[in-house]
Protein backbone atom coordinates (compact mmCIF):
# COMPACT_ATOMS: atom_id res chain seq x y z
CA UNK A 1 86.95 46.01 33.36
CA UNK A 2 90.56 46.41 32.25
CA UNK A 3 91.67 49.62 30.53
CA UNK A 4 95.11 50.23 29.00
CA UNK A 5 96.14 53.89 28.81
CA UNK A 6 99.09 55.32 26.88
CA UNK A 7 100.60 58.81 27.02
CA UNK A 8 103.41 60.02 24.77
CA UNK A 9 102.44 63.69 24.61
CA UNK A 10 105.91 65.01 25.47
CA UNK A 11 109.05 63.31 26.75
CA UNK A 12 107.77 60.62 29.13
CA UNK A 13 106.52 57.31 27.77
CA UNK A 14 103.62 56.33 30.01
CA UNK A 15 101.68 53.05 30.06
CA UNK A 16 99.07 52.38 32.73
CA UNK A 17 96.52 49.70 33.52
CA UNK A 18 93.31 50.41 35.39
CA UNK A 19 90.91 47.75 36.65
CA UNK A 20 87.38 48.91 37.51
CA UNK A 21 88.61 52.45 38.08
CA UNK A 22 91.62 51.51 40.24
CA UNK A 23 95.22 51.94 39.11
CA UNK A 24 96.97 48.57 39.00
CA UNK A 25 100.10 49.40 36.99
CA UNK A 26 101.62 52.78 36.17
CA UNK A 27 104.91 52.63 34.27
CA UNK A 28 106.83 55.69 33.09
CA UNK A 29 109.97 55.63 30.96
CA UNK A 30 111.65 58.96 31.62
CA UNK A 31 113.79 60.77 29.05
CA UNK A 32 115.24 63.27 31.55
CA UNK A 33 118.83 62.10 31.10
CA UNK A 34 118.55 62.41 27.30
CA UNK A 35 117.19 65.97 27.27
CA UNK A 36 119.11 67.29 30.28
CA UNK A 37 122.05 68.38 28.16
CA UNK A 38 119.75 70.62 26.12
CA UNK A 39 117.93 72.19 29.08
CA UNK A 40 114.57 71.18 27.62
CA UNK A 41 112.80 68.65 25.44
CA UNK A 42 114.05 68.09 21.87
CA UNK A 43 110.93 66.93 19.95
CA UNK A 44 112.66 64.69 17.40
CA UNK A 45 114.70 62.91 20.06
CA UNK A 46 111.58 62.45 22.19
CA UNK A 47 109.70 60.79 19.31
CA UNK A 48 112.55 58.36 18.62
CA UNK A 49 112.77 57.35 22.28
CA UNK A 50 109.02 56.74 22.42
CA UNK A 51 109.35 54.40 19.41
CA UNK A 52 111.99 52.39 21.26
CA UNK A 53 110.12 52.26 24.56
CA UNK A 54 106.42 51.90 23.81
CA UNK A 55 106.10 48.20 22.98
CA UNK A 56 108.45 46.86 25.71
CA UNK A 57 106.73 49.09 28.27
CA UNK A 58 103.27 47.89 27.25
CA UNK A 59 104.41 44.26 27.44
CA UNK A 60 105.93 44.86 30.87
CA UNK A 61 102.73 46.51 32.13
CA UNK A 62 100.62 43.54 31.06
CA UNK A 63 103.12 41.12 32.62
CA UNK A 64 103.09 42.98 35.95
CA UNK A 65 99.29 42.84 36.00
CA UNK A 66 99.30 39.15 35.08
CA UNK A 67 97.13 39.99 32.10
CA UNK A 68 97.24 38.88 28.48
CA UNK A 69 96.44 41.38 25.72
CA UNK A 70 93.18 39.50 25.15
CA UNK A 71 92.15 40.39 28.71
CA UNK A 72 91.89 44.09 27.86
CA UNK A 73 88.41 45.58 27.53
CA UNK A 74 89.33 49.08 26.34
CA UNK A 75 92.42 50.76 24.87
CA UNK A 76 93.03 54.50 25.20
CA UNK A 77 95.75 57.00 24.36
CA UNK A 78 96.37 60.71 24.57
CA UNK A 79 95.07 62.33 21.39
CA UNK A 80 96.39 65.81 22.23
CA UNK A 81 97.55 68.40 22.88
CA UNK A 82 101.29 67.84 22.77
CA UNK A 83 104.28 67.41 20.49
CA UNK A 84 102.75 65.96 17.33
CA UNK A 85 105.57 63.53 16.58
CA UNK A 86 105.57 62.22 20.12
CA UNK A 87 101.78 62.02 20.24
CA UNK A 88 101.62 59.95 17.07
CA UNK A 89 103.81 57.21 18.52
CA UNK A 90 101.51 56.32 21.41
CA UNK A 91 98.30 57.19 19.58
CA UNK A 92 99.11 54.99 16.58
CA UNK A 93 100.36 52.14 18.77
CA UNK A 94 97.13 52.19 20.80
CA UNK A 95 94.91 52.25 17.72
CA UNK A 96 96.85 49.36 16.21
CA UNK A 97 96.49 47.35 19.42
CA UNK A 98 92.74 48.07 19.60
CA UNK A 99 92.36 46.97 15.96
CA UNK A 100 94.36 43.77 16.47
CA UNK A 101 92.36 42.83 19.58
CA UNK A 102 89.01 44.06 18.22
CA UNK A 103 88.56 46.25 21.31
CA UNK A 104 87.03 49.74 21.58
CA UNK A 105 89.42 52.68 21.42
CA UNK A 106 89.19 56.15 23.00
CA UNK A 107 91.36 59.20 22.25
CA UNK A 108 91.73 61.23 25.46
CA UNK A 109 92.49 64.90 26.03
CA UNK A 110 95.76 65.29 27.94
CA UNK A 111 94.44 67.99 30.31
CA UNK A 112 91.26 66.06 31.04
CA UNK A 113 93.41 63.09 32.01
CA UNK A 114 95.38 65.28 34.43
CA UNK A 115 92.14 66.56 35.97
CA UNK A 116 90.71 63.05 36.34
CA UNK A 117 93.93 61.93 38.04
CA UNK A 118 93.16 64.34 40.88
CA UNK A 119 89.36 63.80 40.78
CA UNK A 120 88.31 61.39 43.54
CA UNK A 121 85.35 59.09 43.07
CA UNK A 122 82.19 60.60 44.52
CA UNK A 123 83.21 64.24 44.08
CA UNK A 124 80.47 65.97 42.12
CA UNK A 125 81.01 69.12 40.03
CA UNK A 126 81.09 72.02 39.81
CA UNK A 127 84.56 72.81 41.12
CA UNK A 128 87.79 74.53 40.06
CA UNK A 129 90.74 72.75 38.47
CA UNK A 130 94.25 74.06 37.91
CA UNK A 131 96.51 72.18 35.50
CA UNK A 132 100.09 73.41 35.95
CA UNK A 133 103.00 71.69 34.25
CA UNK A 134 105.92 72.30 31.93
CA UNK A 135 103.61 72.93 28.99
CA UNK A 136 100.37 74.13 30.56
CA UNK A 137 99.02 76.54 33.14
CA UNK A 138 95.24 76.63 32.80
CA UNK A 139 92.47 77.29 35.29
CA UNK A 140 89.09 75.69 34.57
CA UNK A 141 85.64 75.55 36.03
CA UNK A 142 84.65 71.89 35.79
CA UNK A 143 80.92 71.58 35.16
CA UNK A 144 80.94 67.85 34.41
CA UNK A 145 83.15 65.24 32.80
CA UNK A 146 83.61 66.69 29.30
CA UNK A 147 82.27 70.15 30.17
CA UNK A 148 84.88 72.76 31.04
CA UNK A 149 84.96 76.55 31.13
CA UNK A 150 88.36 78.22 30.81
CA UNK A 151 88.75 80.93 33.46
CA UNK A 152 92.38 81.88 32.95
CA UNK A 153 95.68 80.76 31.45
CA UNK A 154 99.27 81.83 31.29
CA UNK A 155 100.03 84.85 29.12
CA UNK A 156 103.55 83.63 28.43
CA UNK A 157 105.51 80.81 30.06
CA UNK A 158 103.83 77.87 31.73
CA UNK A 159 104.59 77.53 35.44
CA UNK A 160 106.72 74.40 35.01
CA UNK A 161 108.48 75.96 32.04
CA UNK A 162 109.47 78.93 34.21
CA UNK A 163 110.87 76.59 36.85
CA UNK A 164 112.86 74.80 34.11
CA UNK A 165 114.27 78.06 32.69
CA UNK A 166 115.31 79.46 36.06
CA UNK A 167 116.86 76.12 37.00
CA UNK A 168 118.88 76.19 33.79
CA UNK A 169 119.97 79.75 34.57
CA UNK A 170 121.19 78.59 37.96
CA UNK A 171 123.06 75.63 36.49
CA UNK A 172 120.62 73.07 37.89
CA UNK A 173 119.27 69.91 36.33
CA UNK A 174 116.14 69.22 34.31
CA UNK A 175 113.27 69.14 35.15
CA UNK A 176 113.66 72.31 37.15
CA UNK A 177 110.84 72.09 39.68
CA UNK A 178 112.39 69.56 42.07
CA UNK A 179 115.83 71.18 41.64
CA UNK A 180 114.54 74.67 42.51
CA UNK A 181 112.67 73.28 45.49
CA UNK A 182 115.77 71.49 46.77
CA UNK A 183 118.05 74.52 46.35
CA UNK A 184 115.51 76.87 47.96
CA UNK A 185 115.70 74.83 51.16
CA UNK A 186 119.43 75.59 51.41
CA UNK A 187 118.95 79.37 51.24
CA UNK A 188 119.95 81.57 54.17
CA UNK A 189 118.40 84.64 52.54
CA UNK A 190 115.65 85.36 50.04
CA UNK A 191 116.22 87.33 46.84
CA UNK A 192 113.50 89.96 46.21
CA UNK A 193 110.90 89.00 43.60
CA UNK A 194 107.59 90.79 42.98
CA UNK A 195 104.48 88.63 42.61
CA UNK A 196 103.32 88.87 38.97
CA UNK A 197 100.01 90.53 38.01
CA UNK A 198 99.18 91.39 41.60
CA UNK A 199 95.93 93.39 41.57
CA UNK A 200 94.97 92.24 38.06
CA UNK A 201 91.32 92.23 36.96
CA UNK A 202 91.44 88.82 35.29
CA UNK A 203 92.40 85.29 36.29
CA UNK A 204 95.44 84.89 34.06
CA UNK A 205 99.01 83.94 34.95
CA UNK A 206 102.42 85.28 33.91
CA UNK A 207 105.83 83.85 34.73
CA UNK A 208 108.23 85.36 32.17
CA UNK A 209 108.93 88.38 34.36
CA UNK A 210 110.15 86.13 37.16
CA UNK A 211 112.68 84.60 34.79
CA UNK A 212 113.93 88.06 33.76
CA UNK A 213 114.16 89.08 37.41
CA UNK A 214 116.23 85.99 38.18
CA UNK A 215 118.75 87.02 35.50
CA UNK A 216 119.00 90.51 37.02
CA UNK A 217 119.47 89.23 40.56
CA UNK A 218 122.16 86.78 39.47
CA UNK A 219 124.04 89.66 37.83
CA UNK A 220 123.71 91.66 41.07
CA UNK A 221 125.48 88.93 42.98
CA UNK A 222 122.67 87.22 44.86
CA UNK A 223 123.42 83.62 45.72
CA UNK A 224 121.79 80.85 43.73
CA UNK A 225 119.93 79.43 46.75
CA UNK A 226 118.56 82.90 47.55
CA UNK A 227 117.32 83.30 43.98
CA UNK A 228 115.75 79.84 44.02
CA UNK A 229 113.96 80.61 47.26
CA UNK A 230 112.72 84.03 46.15
CA UNK A 231 111.60 82.76 42.75
CA UNK A 232 109.72 79.80 44.18
CA UNK A 233 108.01 81.96 46.79
CA UNK A 234 106.81 84.48 44.18
CA UNK A 235 105.70 81.79 41.69
CA UNK A 236 103.75 79.89 44.33
CA UNK A 237 102.21 83.10 45.72
CA UNK A 238 101.10 84.03 42.19
CA UNK A 239 99.37 80.69 41.69
CA UNK A 240 97.70 80.90 45.09
CA UNK A 241 96.48 84.48 44.63
CA UNK A 242 94.85 83.72 41.28
CA UNK A 243 93.23 80.59 42.65
CA UNK A 244 91.84 82.39 45.69
CA UNK A 245 90.47 85.14 43.44
CA UNK A 246 88.76 82.45 41.35
CA UNK A 247 87.24 81.02 44.52
CA UNK A 248 85.93 84.46 45.43
CA UNK A 249 84.44 85.06 41.99
CA UNK A 250 82.85 81.65 41.44
CA UNK A 251 81.96 80.70 45.00
CA UNK A 252 83.46 77.22 44.45
CA UNK A 253 85.48 76.15 47.48
CA UNK A 254 86.59 72.83 46.03
CA UNK A 255 89.80 72.83 44.01
CA UNK A 256 91.74 70.21 42.07
CA UNK A 257 95.43 70.87 41.38
CA UNK A 258 96.96 68.65 38.72
CA UNK A 259 100.10 68.45 36.57
CA UNK A 260 103.74 68.25 37.56
CA UNK A 261 103.72 71.52 39.53
CA UNK A 262 101.10 69.96 41.83
CA UNK A 263 103.97 68.05 43.45
CA UNK A 264 105.55 71.27 44.77
CA UNK A 265 105.41 71.08 48.58
CA UNK A 266 105.22 74.85 49.11
CA UNK A 267 102.19 75.09 46.80
CA UNK A 268 100.48 72.19 48.54
CA UNK A 269 101.07 73.63 51.99
CA UNK A 270 99.80 77.07 51.03
CA UNK A 271 96.58 75.81 49.45
CA UNK A 272 95.85 73.29 52.16
CA UNK A 273 96.06 76.12 54.71
CA UNK A 274 93.59 78.33 52.81
CA UNK A 275 90.41 76.75 54.17
CA UNK A 276 89.49 75.03 50.88
CA UNK A 277 88.77 71.46 49.92
CA UNK A 278 91.88 70.77 47.84
CA UNK A 279 92.64 67.56 45.98
CA UNK A 280 95.96 66.57 44.46
CA UNK A 281 96.82 63.51 42.34
CA UNK A 282 98.03 60.42 44.22
CA UNK A 283 101.75 59.75 44.17
CA UNK A 284 102.96 58.96 40.66
CA UNK A 285 100.02 60.60 38.90
CA UNK A 286 101.20 64.23 38.93
CA UNK A 287 103.62 63.94 36.01
CA UNK A 288 102.55 62.74 32.56
CA UNK A 289 101.55 59.08 32.74
CA UNK A 290 99.42 56.43 31.10
CA UNK A 291 97.34 55.55 34.16
CA UNK A 292 95.60 58.95 34.13
CA UNK A 293 94.67 58.35 30.48
CA UNK A 294 93.19 54.98 31.41
CA UNK A 295 91.26 56.55 34.30
CA UNK A 296 89.78 59.23 32.04
CA UNK A 297 88.84 56.64 29.43
CA UNK A 298 87.21 54.43 32.07
CA UNK A 299 85.07 57.32 33.34
CA UNK A 300 84.05 58.35 29.84
CA UNK A 301 83.19 54.76 28.90
CA UNK A 302 80.99 54.36 31.98
CA UNK A 303 79.22 57.61 31.08
CA UNK A 304 78.33 56.22 27.69
CA UNK A 305 81.13 57.47 25.43
CA UNK A 306 80.94 55.53 22.14
CA UNK A 307 84.16 54.01 20.77
CA UNK A 308 86.16 56.42 18.64
CA UNK A 309 86.88 55.55 15.02
CA UNK A 310 90.37 54.34 14.27
CA UNK A 311 90.58 57.05 11.60
CA UNK A 312 90.72 59.63 14.42
CA UNK A 313 93.69 61.96 14.14
CA UNK A 314 96.07 63.25 16.82
CA UNK A 315 95.92 66.99 17.57
CA UNK A 316 98.93 69.04 18.65
CA UNK A 317 96.63 71.96 19.51
CA UNK A 318 93.33 71.09 21.16
CA UNK A 319 91.75 73.46 23.73
CA UNK A 320 90.05 71.53 26.52
CA UNK A 321 86.94 73.68 26.35
CA UNK A 322 86.39 72.35 22.82
CA UNK A 323 85.97 68.80 24.14
CA UNK A 324 82.25 68.14 24.07
CA UNK A 325 80.41 66.24 26.75
CA UNK A 326 80.69 62.56 25.82
CA UNK A 327 81.78 63.44 22.31
CA UNK A 328 85.55 63.58 22.43
CA UNK A 329 85.93 62.86 18.71
CA UNK A 330 84.71 66.35 17.76
């Protein structure tokens, strides 16, 4: 069974092909160079670039798989959440392709796709899942495919957004995560950062205070590598502390970590040393991509998800906990 997945939820154009649950092609057209001058994603520019990239990328994906469009069995695209203009490009393209080929279509939740990217075959729920990226920091209890309970979320900036903002403050490139990680390795000292919300009663996250602290430390004369190292250490410690508290409260000792921040080596090392069963996405599936959308669609289809109507709309705001079990159109 061949599934084509498309993601245009933000600034990366992603097209992926999955055959019987295995990723065959995963192509991503990055817009980093375009948005770097602005220190973040410009929605209108992102939409225009998706329009230019989507068809050539889909054609290239099919060519690399040695597959004709008629060989597709299912077409899927991210329905939301995301930048509405960007979402509509991939979502409309996928619906048009499904109509032209007379194939079933599924609209997939972006966060569910991230979770599925890190969800190995044979792993049964319940377990915990953290989705941490430039636009999201959410902690879920996964009860089944399509059944999620929100345990905590960021109160302000997303984790990846905080990395981007501090990187911009330090004169680094975009996206900020890899740049902060690289600069932190050069540090000979560590600037002092307090871990946010330490001792809190809930399972929420907060990163805006770390950004403010970085501004203060830069004004005090701390070196940029020292600030990068101190910031990263505090941000990673914050994520780890909340996750370990969630483990204590729920009793679940299996954890999935998805989204772009899942690629951070310090976070991976800390969680892998915590005595938990921790799963991360395979290489290439941490950032936004089309293959994770295809994987989620494949799993939903096998579970009995009916095709979604082509009148289905995209949704800029769509909480994951509102996605019903095998009823993603609601």
